[in-house]
Amino acid sequence: MGHCRPSRGRTVALLDVNGWQFGYQSTGYLSAFNSADRPHLILPEVWIEDLATAQLDVIARPMLDTLWQAFDLEACGFYDAGGYWRPS
């Protein structure tokens, strides 16, 4: 009998975020703040087939992009052009 690894789904919901501010580094050491554009923020569900081989960069990006977009930013600024997590 084969070994079956359990799959997992993850989702995050942030409720009552209307008026919250999101701080980020726009250029150099300058910080900027944007307000939420919606009252509730439901991030996309992520399905993880195998935790042992999961690439966290790939798994987290859709959720982080949605989070940043809710605060009027194009995408999460901590990913490089190749889609890898590269916080500065």
Protein backbone atom coordinates (compact mmCIF):
# COMPACT_ATOMS: atom_id res chain seq x y z
CA MET A 1 0.00 0.00 0.00
CA GLY A 2 1.41 3.42 -0.98
CA HIS A 3 2.10 6.24 1.40
CA CYS A 4 -0.34 9.12 1.10
CA ARG A 5 0.60 12.57 2.36
CA PRO A 6 -2.29 14.74 3.54
CA SER A 7 -3.16 17.86 1.57
CA ARG A 8 -3.99 21.09 3.31
CA GLY A 9 -5.94 24.19 2.42
CA ARG A 10 -5.27 27.55 4.01
CA THR A 11 -7.21 30.78 3.93
CA VAL A 12 -7.01 34.04 5.82
CA ALA A 13 -9.75 36.59 6.46
CA LEU A 14 -9.19 40.03 7.96
CA LEU A 15 -12.49 41.54 9.07
CA ASP A 16 -13.34 45.17 9.77
CA VAL A 17 -10.18 46.54 8.14
CA ASN A 18 -11.89 49.64 6.79
CA GLY A 19 -9.71 52.59 7.80
CA TRP A 20 -6.67 50.46 8.64
CA GLN A 21 -3.41 51.75 7.26
CA PHE A 22 -0.71 49.66 5.64
CA GLY A 23 2.82 50.95 6.04
CA TYR A 24 5.50 50.12 3.52
CA GLN A 25 8.84 51.38 2.29
CA SER A 26 8.29 53.14 -1.01
CA THR A 27 11.80 54.44 -1.80
CA GLY A 28 14.93 54.36 0.28
CA TYR A 29 14.05 54.98 3.90
CA LEU A 30 10.78 56.79 3.18
CA SER A 31 7.71 55.09 4.59
CA ALA A 32 4.26 55.52 3.10
CA PHE A 33 0.83 54.51 4.36
CA ASN A 34 -2.27 53.54 2.38
CA SER A 35 -5.74 52.88 3.77
CA ALA A 36 -7.75 49.72 3.12
CA ASP A 37 -10.12 49.97 0.15
CA ARG A 38 -12.70 47.50 1.53
CA PRO A 39 -14.29 46.64 4.89
CA HIS A 40 -13.35 42.93 4.85
CA LEU A 41 -10.32 41.33 3.26
CA ILE A 42 -10.61 37.67 2.29
CA LEU A 43 -7.31 36.41 0.92
CA PRO A 44 -7.37 33.68 -1.74
CA GLU A 45 -7.36 30.12 -0.46
CA VAL A 46 -4.12 28.25 -0.97
CA TRP A 47 -4.02 24.49 -1.42
CA ILE A 48 -0.86 22.68 -0.33
CA GLU A 49 -0.52 19.21 -1.81
CA ASP A 50 2.60 18.13 0.05
CA LEU A 51 4.06 20.09 2.96
CA ALA A 52 7.42 18.36 2.56
CA THR A 53 7.95 19.75 -0.96
CA ALA A 54 5.87 22.94 -0.76
CA GLN A 55 7.53 26.11 -2.06
CA LEU A 56 6.49 28.77 0.42
CA ASP A 57 7.40 31.59 -2.00
CA VAL A 58 4.88 30.28 -4.52
CA ILE A 59 2.22 29.46 -1.92
CA ALA A 60 2.27 32.82 -0.13
CA ARG A 61 2.44 35.13 -3.15
CA PRO A 62 -1.25 35.16 -4.18
CA MET A 63 -2.29 35.94 -0.60
CA LEU A 64 0.35 38.64 -0.16
CA ASP A 65 -0.43 40.23 -3.54
CA THR A 66 -4.12 40.42 -2.61
CA LEU A 67 -3.22 41.95 0.75
CA TRP A 68 -1.12 44.67 -0.89
CA GLN A 69 -3.77 45.29 -3.58
CA ALA A 70 -6.38 45.94 -0.87
CA PHE A 71 -4.20 48.88 0.15
CA ASP A 72 -3.92 50.30 -3.39
CA LEU A 73 -0.56 48.76 -4.24
CA GLU A 74 0.12 46.73 -7.38
CA ALA A 75 1.61 43.64 -5.70
CA CYS A 76 3.69 42.54 -2.73
CA GLY A 77 6.98 44.38 -2.96
CA PHE A 78 9.06 41.63 -1.41
CA TYR A 79 9.23 39.38 -4.48
CA ASP A 80 11.84 39.62 -7.21
CA ALA A 81 11.14 39.42 -10.94
CA GLY A 82 11.45 35.62 -10.80
CA GLY A 83 8.74 35.32 -8.16
CA TYR A 84 11.03 34.57 -5.23
CA TRP A 85 10.75 36.14 -1.77
CA ARG A 86 13.49 38.76 -1.47
CA PRO A 87 12.78 41.22 1.34
CA SER A 88 15.24 44.07 1.35
